[in-house]
């Protein structure tokens, strides 16, 4: 975040509004309020999904949805959710902010949130995310050490468990 603030914020690149104390070290509500204030777009994602066109001249998807297969794929993908089209407005936005409020939360995997009209583009970006957007090896190693320690504790506390355990992710 400090790099982003140094490049975009303290230089006045976000609507000419400087961050509090013109600092790259802001955090918490001061940071979130600032990012919300200078955002060009703050899409509400609750119950929605993002639709990316097959080409940059079809933001409204009028051309793509004339193809029955694409229309059916999008209907199946979206289910009960409403589409948010990656249109000219989002394309031209300098800063799109994703606030943490209830209507803005984006708690889902990219492949369940972004619909690509072009299946080749979909495959490319899904592979890209799979291959390049991951935790650093150091973090993976720490995670493996932690799992090993939990399994050792499980074996010590219940030898019959063979180190197996159950975990819940609760927010």
N, C-alpha and C. Protein backbone atom coordinates (compact mmCIF):
# COMPACT_ATOMS: atom_id res chain seq x y z
N UNK A 1 0.83 -1.18 0.00
CA UNK A 1 0.00 0.00 0.00
C UNK A 1 0.88 1.25 0.00
N UNK A 2 2.02 1.19 0.70
CA UNK A 2 2.90 2.36 0.73
C UNK A 2 3.38 2.73 -0.68
N UNK A 3 3.69 1.72 -1.50
CA UNK A 3 4.13 1.99 -2.87
C UNK A 3 3.03 2.68 -3.67
N UNK A 4 1.81 2.19 -3.53
CA UNK A 4 0.67 2.80 -4.23
C UNK A 4 0.48 4.24 -3.79
N UNK A 5 0.51 4.47 -2.49
CA UNK A 5 0.31 5.83 -1.98
C UNK A 5 1.45 6.74 -2.43
N UNK A 6 2.68 6.23 -2.47
CA UNK A 6 3.81 7.04 -2.91
C UNK A 6 3.67 7.42 -4.37
N UNK A 7 3.26 6.47 -5.18
CA UNK A 7 3.17 6.72 -6.62
C UNK A 7 1.94 7.55 -6.98
N UNK A 8 0.80 7.23 -6.40
CA UNK A 8 -0.46 7.84 -6.82
C UNK A 8 -0.96 8.96 -5.90
N UNK A 9 -0.85 8.77 -4.61
CA UNK A 9 -1.53 9.69 -3.68
C UNK A 9 -0.71 10.94 -3.36
N UNK A 10 0.50 10.77 -2.86
CA UNK A 10 1.27 11.95 -2.45
C UNK A 10 1.70 12.80 -3.65
N UNK A 11 1.59 12.24 -4.83
CA UNK A 11 1.89 13.01 -6.05
C UNK A 11 0.66 13.77 -6.54
N UNK A 12 -0.48 13.56 -5.87
CA UNK A 12 -1.71 14.23 -6.26
C UNK A 12 -2.44 13.52 -7.38
N UNK A 13 -2.06 12.28 -7.64
CA UNK A 13 -2.64 11.53 -8.75
C UNK A 13 -4.04 11.01 -8.51
N UNK A 14 -4.55 11.14 -7.31
CA UNK A 14 -5.90 10.67 -7.01
C UNK A 14 -6.80 11.89 -6.82
N UNK A 15 -7.28 12.39 -7.94
CA UNK A 15 -8.18 13.57 -7.98
C UNK A 15 -7.55 14.81 -7.37
N UNK A 16 -6.22 14.83 -7.25
CA UNK A 16 -5.53 15.98 -6.68
C UNK A 16 -5.65 16.09 -5.18
N UNK A 17 -6.25 15.07 -4.55
CA UNK A 17 -6.46 15.09 -3.10
C UNK A 17 -5.32 14.31 -2.43
N UNK A 18 -4.61 14.97 -1.55
CA UNK A 18 -3.49 14.33 -0.87
C UNK A 18 -4.00 13.52 0.33
N UNK A 19 -3.27 12.45 0.68
CA UNK A 19 -3.69 11.65 1.85
C UNK A 19 -3.47 12.42 3.14
N UNK A 20 -4.11 11.99 4.22
CA UNK A 20 -3.91 12.66 5.51
C UNK A 20 -2.42 12.78 5.84
N UNK A 21 -2.03 13.97 6.26
CA UNK A 21 -0.64 14.29 6.59
C UNK A 21 0.30 14.05 5.40
N UNK A 22 -0.27 13.93 4.19
CA UNK A 22 0.50 13.66 2.97
C UNK A 22 1.48 12.50 3.21
N UNK A 23 0.98 11.48 3.90
CA UNK A 23 1.81 10.37 4.34
C UNK A 23 1.48 9.08 3.59
N UNK A 24 2.50 8.27 3.40
CA UNK A 24 2.29 6.94 2.81
C UNK A 24 2.11 5.90 3.91
N UNK A 25 2.17 6.33 5.15
CA UNK A 25 2.10 5.39 6.28
C UNK A 25 0.75 5.40 6.99
N UNK A 26 -0.28 5.97 6.36
CA UNK A 26 -1.60 5.96 7.00
C UNK A 26 -2.18 4.55 6.95
N UNK A 27 -3.07 4.28 7.88
CA UNK A 27 -3.65 2.95 7.97
C UNK A 27 -5.01 3.04 8.62
N UNK A 28 -5.74 1.94 8.61
CA UNK A 28 -7.03 1.87 9.28
C UNK A 28 -8.06 2.79 8.65
N UNK A 29 -8.93 3.37 9.49
CA UNK A 29 -10.05 4.16 8.97
C UNK A 29 -9.58 5.38 8.20
N UNK A 30 -8.45 5.97 8.56
CA UNK A 30 -7.95 7.13 7.81
C UNK A 30 -7.63 6.74 6.37
N UNK A 31 -7.01 5.58 6.20
CA UNK A 31 -6.68 5.10 4.86
C UNK A 31 -7.94 4.76 4.07
N UNK A 32 -8.84 4.00 4.69
CA UNK A 32 -10.04 3.55 3.98
C UNK A 32 -10.93 4.73 3.59
N UNK A 33 -11.06 5.71 4.50
CA UNK A 33 -11.85 6.90 4.20
C UNK A 33 -11.23 7.69 3.05
N UNK A 34 -9.91 7.80 3.06
CA UNK A 34 -9.23 8.52 1.99
C UNK A 34 -9.43 7.81 0.65
N UNK A 35 -9.21 6.50 0.61
CA UNK A 35 -9.36 5.75 -0.64
C UNK A 35 -10.79 5.82 -1.17
N UNK A 36 -11.75 5.81 -0.28
CA UNK A 36 -13.15 5.91 -0.68
C UNK A 36 -13.44 7.30 -1.26
N UNK A 37 -12.87 8.33 -0.64
CA UNK A 37 -13.10 9.71 -1.06
C UNK A 37 -12.54 9.98 -2.47
N UNK A 38 -11.40 9.38 -2.79
CA UNK A 38 -10.73 9.68 -4.07
C UNK A 38 -11.04 8.68 -5.17
N UNK A 39 -11.87 7.70 -4.89
CA UNK A 39 -12.18 6.66 -5.88
C UNK A 39 -13.01 7.22 -7.03
N UNK A 40 -12.69 6.77 -8.23
CA UNK A 40 -13.51 7.11 -9.39
C UNK A 40 -14.76 6.23 -9.41
N UNK A 41 -14.61 5.01 -8.95
CA UNK A 41 -15.73 4.06 -8.92
C UNK A 41 -15.66 3.25 -7.63
N UNK A 42 -16.82 2.94 -7.06
CA UNK A 42 -16.93 2.06 -5.90
C UNK A 42 -18.09 1.10 -6.17
N UNK A 43 -17.89 0.14 -7.05
CA UNK A 43 -19.00 -0.75 -7.41
C UNK A 43 -19.50 -1.56 -6.20
N UNK A 44 -20.79 -1.71 -6.14
CA UNK A 44 -21.41 -2.57 -5.13
C UNK A 44 -21.48 -3.97 -5.73
N UNK A 45 -20.85 -4.94 -5.07
CA UNK A 45 -20.76 -6.28 -5.65
C UNK A 45 -21.73 -7.29 -5.05
N UNK A 46 -22.39 -6.95 -3.96
CA UNK A 46 -23.28 -7.91 -3.32
C UNK A 46 -24.33 -8.40 -4.31
N UNK A 47 -24.36 -9.70 -4.55
CA UNK A 47 -25.35 -10.30 -5.44
C UNK A 47 -25.10 -10.00 -6.91
N UNK A 48 -23.87 -9.67 -7.24
CA UNK A 48 -23.55 -9.32 -8.63
C UNK A 48 -22.30 -10.06 -9.08
N UNK A 49 -22.05 -10.00 -10.38
CA UNK A 49 -20.81 -10.56 -10.93
C UNK A 49 -20.33 -9.65 -12.04
N UNK A 50 -19.04 -9.67 -12.31
CA UNK A 50 -18.43 -8.80 -13.30
C UNK A 50 -18.41 -9.50 -14.66
N UNK A 51 -18.82 -8.77 -15.69
CA UNK A 51 -18.86 -9.30 -17.05
C UNK A 51 -17.82 -8.56 -17.89
N UNK A 52 -16.85 -9.31 -18.42
CA UNK A 52 -15.84 -8.74 -19.29
C UNK A 52 -16.17 -9.08 -20.74
N UNK A 53 -16.22 -8.08 -21.60
CA UNK A 53 -16.58 -8.31 -23.00
C UNK A 53 -15.47 -9.04 -23.76
N UNK A 54 -15.82 -9.58 -24.90
CA UNK A 54 -14.83 -10.27 -25.74
C UNK A 54 -13.91 -9.28 -26.43
N UNK A 55 -14.39 -8.04 -26.64
CA UNK A 55 -13.54 -7.02 -27.23
C UNK A 55 -13.92 -5.66 -26.68
N UNK A 56 -13.03 -4.70 -26.86
CA UNK A 56 -13.20 -3.39 -26.22
C UNK A 56 -14.27 -2.52 -26.87
N UNK A 57 -14.89 -2.97 -27.94
CA UNK A 57 -15.96 -2.18 -28.55
C UNK A 57 -17.34 -2.66 -28.14
N UNK A 58 -17.39 -3.70 -27.30
CA UNK A 58 -18.68 -4.31 -26.94
C UNK A 58 -18.91 -4.27 -25.43
N UNK A 59 -18.70 -3.10 -24.80
CA UNK A 59 -18.85 -2.99 -23.34
C UNK A 59 -20.23 -3.40 -22.85
N UNK A 60 -21.25 -3.15 -23.65
CA UNK A 60 -22.61 -3.47 -23.21
C UNK A 60 -22.95 -4.93 -23.48
N UNK A 61 -22.04 -5.66 -24.14
CA UNK A 61 -22.20 -7.09 -24.46
C UNK A 61 -23.31 -7.33 -25.49
N UNK A 62 -23.74 -6.31 -26.21
CA UNK A 62 -24.82 -6.48 -27.20
C UNK A 62 -24.41 -7.48 -28.28
N UNK A 63 -23.15 -7.35 -28.76
CA UNK A 63 -22.68 -8.28 -29.79
C UNK A 63 -22.54 -9.69 -29.23
N UNK A 64 -21.86 -9.80 -28.08
CA UNK A 64 -21.58 -11.12 -27.50
C UNK A 64 -22.85 -11.87 -27.15
N UNK A 65 -23.85 -11.17 -26.63
CA UNK A 65 -25.07 -11.85 -26.19
C UNK A 65 -25.98 -12.25 -27.34
N UNK A 66 -25.64 -11.84 -28.56
CA UNK A 66 -26.39 -12.32 -29.72
C UNK A 66 -26.05 -13.78 -30.00
N UNK A 67 -24.90 -14.22 -29.49
CA UNK A 67 -24.52 -15.63 -29.62
C UNK A 67 -25.24 -16.41 -28.52
N UNK A 68 -26.10 -17.36 -28.89
CA UNK A 68 -26.88 -18.10 -27.89
C UNK A 68 -26.01 -18.84 -26.87
N UNK A 69 -24.85 -19.34 -27.31
CA UNK A 69 -23.98 -20.08 -26.38
C UNK A 69 -23.43 -19.14 -25.31
N UNK A 70 -23.00 -17.94 -25.73
CA UNK A 70 -22.48 -16.97 -24.76
C UNK A 70 -23.58 -16.52 -23.81
N UNK A 71 -24.75 -16.26 -24.34
CA UNK A 71 -25.88 -15.84 -23.50
C UNK A 71 -26.23 -16.92 -22.48
N UNK A 72 -26.23 -18.17 -22.89
CA UNK A 72 -26.54 -19.27 -21.98
C UNK A 72 -25.43 -19.45 -20.94
N UNK A 73 -24.17 -19.35 -21.37
CA UNK A 73 -23.04 -19.43 -20.43
C UNK A 73 -23.15 -18.36 -19.36
N UNK A 74 -23.49 -17.13 -19.79
CA UNK A 74 -23.60 -16.02 -18.83
C UNK A 74 -24.78 -16.24 -17.89
N UNK A 75 -25.89 -16.71 -18.39
CA UNK A 75 -27.06 -16.97 -17.54
C UNK A 75 -26.74 -18.06 -16.51
N UNK A 76 -26.08 -19.11 -16.95
CA UNK A 76 -25.70 -20.20 -16.05
C UNK A 76 -24.69 -19.71 -15.01
N UNK A 77 -23.69 -18.96 -15.47
CA UNK A 77 -22.65 -18.44 -14.58
C UNK A 77 -23.25 -17.52 -13.52
N UNK A 78 -24.12 -16.62 -13.95
CA UNK A 78 -24.66 -15.62 -13.03
C UNK A 78 -25.71 -16.14 -12.07
N UNK A 79 -26.48 -17.13 -12.50
CA UNK A 79 -27.54 -17.64 -11.63
C UNK A 79 -28.50 -16.51 -11.25
N UNK A 80 -28.71 -16.33 -9.95
CA UNK A 80 -29.62 -15.29 -9.46
C UNK A 80 -28.94 -13.92 -9.34
N UNK A 81 -27.64 -13.86 -9.62
CA UNK A 81 -26.91 -12.60 -9.48
C UNK A 81 -27.13 -11.70 -10.70
N UNK A 82 -26.92 -10.40 -10.50
CA UNK A 82 -27.06 -9.42 -11.59
C UNK A 82 -25.69 -9.13 -12.19
N UNK A 83 -25.61 -8.92 -13.49
CA UNK A 83 -24.32 -8.61 -14.11
C UNK A 83 -23.93 -7.14 -13.92
N UNK A 84 -22.65 -6.91 -13.71
CA UNK A 84 -22.07 -5.57 -13.74
C UNK A 84 -21.11 -5.60 -14.92
N UNK A 85 -21.42 -4.83 -15.95
CA UNK A 85 -20.61 -4.85 -17.16
C UNK A 85 -19.36 -4.00 -17.01
N UNK A 86 -18.25 -4.55 -17.42
CA UNK A 86 -17.01 -3.78 -17.45
C UNK A 86 -17.13 -2.83 -18.64
N UNK A 87 -17.71 -1.68 -18.37
CA UNK A 87 -18.06 -0.75 -19.44
C UNK A 87 -17.01 0.34 -19.59
N UNK A 88 -17.31 1.30 -20.43
CA UNK A 88 -16.40 2.40 -20.71
C UNK A 88 -16.08 3.17 -19.42
N UNK A 89 -17.05 3.32 -18.55
CA UNK A 89 -16.87 4.05 -17.29
C UNK A 89 -15.83 3.35 -16.39
N UNK A 90 -15.96 2.03 -16.23
CA UNK A 90 -14.98 1.29 -15.43
C UNK A 90 -13.62 1.25 -16.13
N UNK A 91 -13.64 1.14 -17.45
CA UNK A 91 -12.40 1.10 -18.22
C UNK A 91 -11.59 2.38 -18.02
N UNK A 92 -12.26 3.52 -17.98
CA UNK A 92 -11.58 4.81 -17.87
C UNK A 92 -11.27 5.22 -16.43
N UNK A 93 -11.78 4.50 -15.46
CA UNK A 93 -11.55 4.85 -14.06
C UNK A 93 -10.06 4.71 -13.72
N UNK A 94 -9.52 5.72 -13.07
CA UNK A 94 -8.13 5.69 -12.64
C UNK A 94 -7.97 4.86 -11.37
N UNK A 95 -8.97 4.98 -10.49
CA UNK A 95 -8.90 4.30 -9.19
C UNK A 95 -10.26 3.70 -8.86
N UNK A 96 -10.33 2.38 -8.84
CA UNK A 96 -11.54 1.67 -8.45
C UNK A 96 -11.32 1.16 -7.03
N UNK A 97 -12.20 1.54 -6.13
CA UNK A 97 -12.03 1.17 -4.72
C UNK A 97 -13.07 0.13 -4.33
N UNK A 98 -12.64 -0.85 -3.56
CA UNK A 98 -13.52 -1.90 -3.04
C UNK A 98 -13.65 -1.71 -1.54
N UNK A 99 -14.59 -0.89 -1.08
CA UNK A 99 -14.76 -0.70 0.36
C UNK A 99 -15.13 -2.01 1.06
N UNK A 100 -14.97 -2.02 2.35
CA UNK A 100 -15.24 -3.23 3.12
C UNK A 100 -16.66 -3.34 3.63
N UNK A 101 -17.53 -2.41 3.29
CA UNK A 101 -18.91 -2.44 3.78
C UNK A 101 -19.70 -3.61 3.22
N UNK A 102 -20.85 -3.85 3.81
CA UNK A 102 -21.63 -5.05 3.48
C UNK A 102 -22.03 -5.16 2.03
N UNK A 103 -22.34 -4.07 1.35
CA UNK A 103 -22.77 -4.14 -0.05
C UNK A 103 -21.60 -4.22 -1.02
N UNK A 104 -20.40 -4.05 -0.50
CA UNK A 104 -19.23 -4.02 -1.37
C UNK A 104 -18.38 -5.28 -1.26
N UNK A 105 -18.62 -6.08 -0.26
CA UNK A 105 -17.75 -7.23 -0.02
C UNK A 105 -17.65 -8.13 -1.23
N UNK A 106 -16.43 -8.59 -1.44
CA UNK A 106 -16.15 -9.44 -2.57
C UNK A 106 -15.50 -10.70 -2.02
N UNK A 107 -16.27 -11.52 -1.35
CA UNK A 107 -15.73 -12.72 -0.71
C UNK A 107 -16.04 -13.94 -1.56
N UNK A 108 -15.36 -14.03 -2.67
CA UNK A 108 -15.53 -15.19 -3.54
C UNK A 108 -14.30 -15.32 -4.42
N UNK A 109 -14.12 -16.47 -4.98
CA UNK A 109 -12.98 -16.70 -5.87
C UNK A 109 -13.19 -15.98 -7.19
N UNK A 110 -12.10 -15.59 -7.81
CA UNK A 110 -12.18 -14.85 -9.08
C UNK A 110 -12.96 -15.63 -10.14
N UNK A 111 -12.82 -16.95 -10.15
CA UNK A 111 -13.49 -17.74 -11.19
C UNK A 111 -14.99 -17.86 -10.95
N UNK A 112 -15.47 -17.45 -9.78
CA UNK A 112 -16.90 -17.44 -9.51
C UNK A 112 -17.46 -16.02 -9.61
N UNK A 113 -16.60 -15.05 -9.86
CA UNK A 113 -17.01 -13.66 -9.86
C UNK A 113 -16.90 -13.00 -11.23
N UNK A 114 -15.92 -13.40 -12.04
CA UNK A 114 -15.68 -12.74 -13.33
C UNK A 114 -16.11 -13.64 -14.47
N UNK A 115 -17.04 -13.14 -15.28
CA UNK A 115 -17.48 -13.85 -16.47
C UNK A 115 -16.76 -13.26 -17.68
N UNK A 116 -16.12 -14.11 -18.46
CA UNK A 116 -15.46 -13.69 -19.69
C UNK A 116 -16.31 -14.12 -20.87
N UNK A 117 -16.66 -13.17 -21.73
CA UNK A 117 -17.43 -13.52 -22.93
C UNK A 117 -16.58 -14.38 -23.85
N UNK A 118 -15.28 -14.14 -23.86
CA UNK A 118 -14.35 -14.89 -24.70
C UNK A 118 -13.75 -16.03 -23.88
N UNK A 119 -14.05 -17.27 -24.23
CA UNK A 119 -13.57 -18.42 -23.45
C UNK A 119 -12.06 -18.57 -23.51
N UNK A 120 -11.43 -18.13 -24.60
CA UNK A 120 -9.96 -18.19 -24.68
C UNK A 120 -9.34 -17.24 -23.67
N UNK A 121 -9.92 -16.05 -23.56
CA UNK A 121 -9.45 -15.08 -22.57
C UNK A 121 -9.69 -15.62 -21.16
N UNK A 122 -10.82 -16.25 -20.93
CA UNK A 122 -11.13 -16.85 -19.64
C UNK A 122 -10.06 -17.87 -19.25
N UNK A 123 -9.74 -18.76 -20.17
CA UNK A 123 -8.72 -19.77 -19.89
C UNK A 123 -7.37 -19.14 -19.61
N UNK A 124 -7.00 -18.13 -20.38
CA UNK A 124 -5.72 -17.47 -20.19
C UNK A 124 -5.62 -16.87 -18.78
N UNK A 125 -6.62 -16.10 -18.39
CA UNK A 125 -6.55 -15.43 -17.09
C UNK A 125 -6.71 -16.39 -15.92
N UNK A 126 -7.46 -17.42 -16.08
CA UNK A 126 -7.54 -18.42 -15.00
C UNK A 126 -6.19 -19.12 -14.82
N UNK A 127 -5.53 -19.43 -15.91
CA UNK A 127 -4.18 -20.03 -15.81
C UNK A 127 -3.19 -19.03 -15.22
N UNK A 128 -3.31 -17.77 -15.62
CA UNK A 128 -2.42 -16.73 -15.10
C UNK A 128 -2.54 -16.64 -13.58
N UNK A 129 -3.77 -16.56 -13.10
CA UNK A 129 -3.98 -16.48 -11.65
C UNK A 129 -3.44 -17.74 -10.97
N UNK A 130 -3.73 -18.89 -11.53
CA UNK A 130 -3.25 -20.16 -10.96
C UNK A 130 -1.72 -20.19 -10.88
N UNK A 131 -1.05 -19.72 -11.92
CA UNK A 131 0.40 -19.85 -12.01
C UNK A 131 1.18 -18.74 -11.33
N UNK A 132 0.61 -17.53 -11.23
CA UNK A 132 1.41 -16.41 -10.76
C UNK A 132 0.89 -15.69 -9.53
N UNK A 133 -0.37 -15.85 -9.19
CA UNK A 133 -0.90 -15.15 -8.02
C UNK A 133 -1.06 -16.16 -6.88
N UNK A 134 -0.02 -16.22 -6.10
CA UNK A 134 -0.03 -17.19 -5.01
C UNK A 134 0.82 -16.65 -3.87
N UNK A 135 0.74 -17.34 -2.74
CA UNK A 135 1.57 -16.96 -1.61
C UNK A 135 3.03 -17.23 -1.93
N UNK A 136 3.90 -16.43 -1.37
CA UNK A 136 5.33 -16.64 -1.54
C UNK A 136 5.69 -17.98 -0.92
N UNK A 137 6.76 -18.60 -1.43
CA UNK A 137 7.20 -19.89 -0.91
C UNK A 137 7.46 -19.84 0.59
N UNK A 138 7.99 -18.74 1.06
CA UNK A 138 8.29 -18.59 2.49
C UNK A 138 7.02 -18.74 3.34
N UNK A 139 5.93 -18.16 2.89
CA UNK A 139 4.66 -18.25 3.61
C UNK A 139 4.14 -19.69 3.55
N UNK A 140 4.25 -20.33 2.39
CA UNK A 140 3.83 -21.74 2.27
C UNK A 140 4.62 -22.62 3.23
N UNK A 141 5.93 -22.36 3.34
CA UNK A 141 6.77 -23.16 4.24
C UNK A 141 6.37 -22.97 5.70
N UNK A 142 6.10 -21.71 6.09
CA UNK A 142 5.63 -21.46 7.46
C UNK A 142 4.31 -22.17 7.72
N UNK A 143 3.44 -22.15 6.73
CA UNK A 143 2.16 -22.85 6.86
C UNK A 143 2.36 -24.34 7.05
N UNK A 144 3.28 -24.93 6.29
CA UNK A 144 3.57 -26.36 6.42
C UNK A 144 4.13 -26.68 7.80
N UNK A 145 4.99 -25.79 8.32
CA UNK A 145 5.54 -25.98 9.67
C UNK A 145 4.43 -25.92 10.71
N UNK A 146 3.51 -25.00 10.53
CA UNK A 146 2.40 -24.86 11.47
C UNK A 146 1.52 -26.11 11.45
N UNK A 147 1.20 -26.61 10.26
CA UNK A 147 0.40 -27.83 10.15
C UNK A 147 1.12 -29.00 10.81
N UNK A 148 2.43 -29.10 10.60
CA UNK A 148 3.21 -30.18 11.23
C UNK A 148 3.14 -30.08 12.75
N UNK A 149 3.22 -28.85 13.29
CA UNK A 149 3.15 -28.66 14.74
C UNK A 149 1.76 -29.04 15.27
N UNK A 150 0.70 -28.66 14.55
CA UNK A 150 -0.66 -29.00 14.98
C UNK A 150 -0.84 -30.52 14.95
N UNK A 151 -0.32 -31.18 13.91
CA UNK A 151 -0.43 -32.65 13.82
C UNK A 151 0.35 -33.32 14.95
N UNK A 152 1.52 -32.77 15.30
CA UNK A 152 2.30 -33.33 16.41
C UNK A 152 1.51 -33.20 17.71
N UNK A 153 0.86 -32.05 17.91
CA UNK A 153 0.02 -31.87 19.10
C UNK A 153 -1.14 -32.86 19.09
N UNK A 154 -1.76 -33.05 17.93
CA UNK A 154 -2.88 -33.99 17.83
C UNK A 154 -2.42 -35.40 18.19
N UNK A 155 -1.25 -35.80 17.70
CA UNK A 155 -0.72 -37.13 18.03
C UNK A 155 -0.43 -37.26 19.52
N UNK A 156 0.11 -36.18 20.11
CA UNK A 156 0.44 -36.20 21.54
C UNK A 156 -0.82 -36.28 22.38
N UNK A 157 -1.85 -35.52 22.02
CA UNK A 157 -3.08 -35.48 22.80
C UNK A 157 -3.98 -36.70 22.56
N UNK A 158 -3.95 -37.22 21.35
CA UNK A 158 -4.79 -38.37 21.00
C UNK A 158 -4.01 -39.26 20.03
N UNK A 159 -3.18 -40.14 20.56
CA UNK A 159 -2.32 -40.97 19.70
C UNK A 159 -3.10 -41.74 18.63
N UNK A 160 -4.34 -42.08 18.91
CA UNK A 160 -5.12 -42.84 17.93
C UNK A 160 -5.52 -41.97 16.73
N UNK A 161 -5.35 -40.64 16.85
CA UNK A 161 -5.76 -39.74 15.76
C UNK A 161 -4.79 -39.76 14.58
N UNK A 162 -3.61 -40.29 14.80
CA UNK A 162 -2.60 -40.35 13.75
C UNK A 162 -2.28 -38.94 13.22
N UNK A 163 -2.46 -37.93 14.06
CA UNK A 163 -2.13 -36.56 13.67
C UNK A 163 -3.22 -35.83 12.91
N UNK A 164 -4.38 -36.47 12.73
CA UNK A 164 -5.45 -35.79 12.02
C UNK A 164 -6.15 -34.80 12.95
N UNK A 165 -6.66 -33.73 12.38
CA UNK A 165 -7.36 -32.72 13.17
C UNK A 165 -8.39 -32.03 12.28
N UNK A 166 -9.29 -31.31 12.90
CA UNK A 166 -10.30 -30.53 12.17
C UNK A 166 -10.07 -29.07 12.48
N UNK A 167 -10.30 -28.23 11.47
CA UNK A 167 -10.13 -26.79 11.65
C UNK A 167 -11.35 -26.06 11.08
N UNK A 168 -11.69 -24.95 11.70
CA UNK A 168 -12.77 -24.09 11.21
C UNK A 168 -12.20 -22.71 10.95
N UNK A 169 -12.63 -22.10 9.87
CA UNK A 169 -12.24 -20.71 9.58
C UNK A 169 -13.44 -19.85 9.95
N UNK A 170 -13.30 -19.09 11.02
CA UNK A 170 -14.40 -18.29 11.53
C UNK A 170 -13.98 -16.83 11.54
N UNK A 171 -14.84 -15.97 11.02
CA UNK A 171 -14.54 -14.52 11.03
C UNK A 171 -15.36 -13.84 12.09
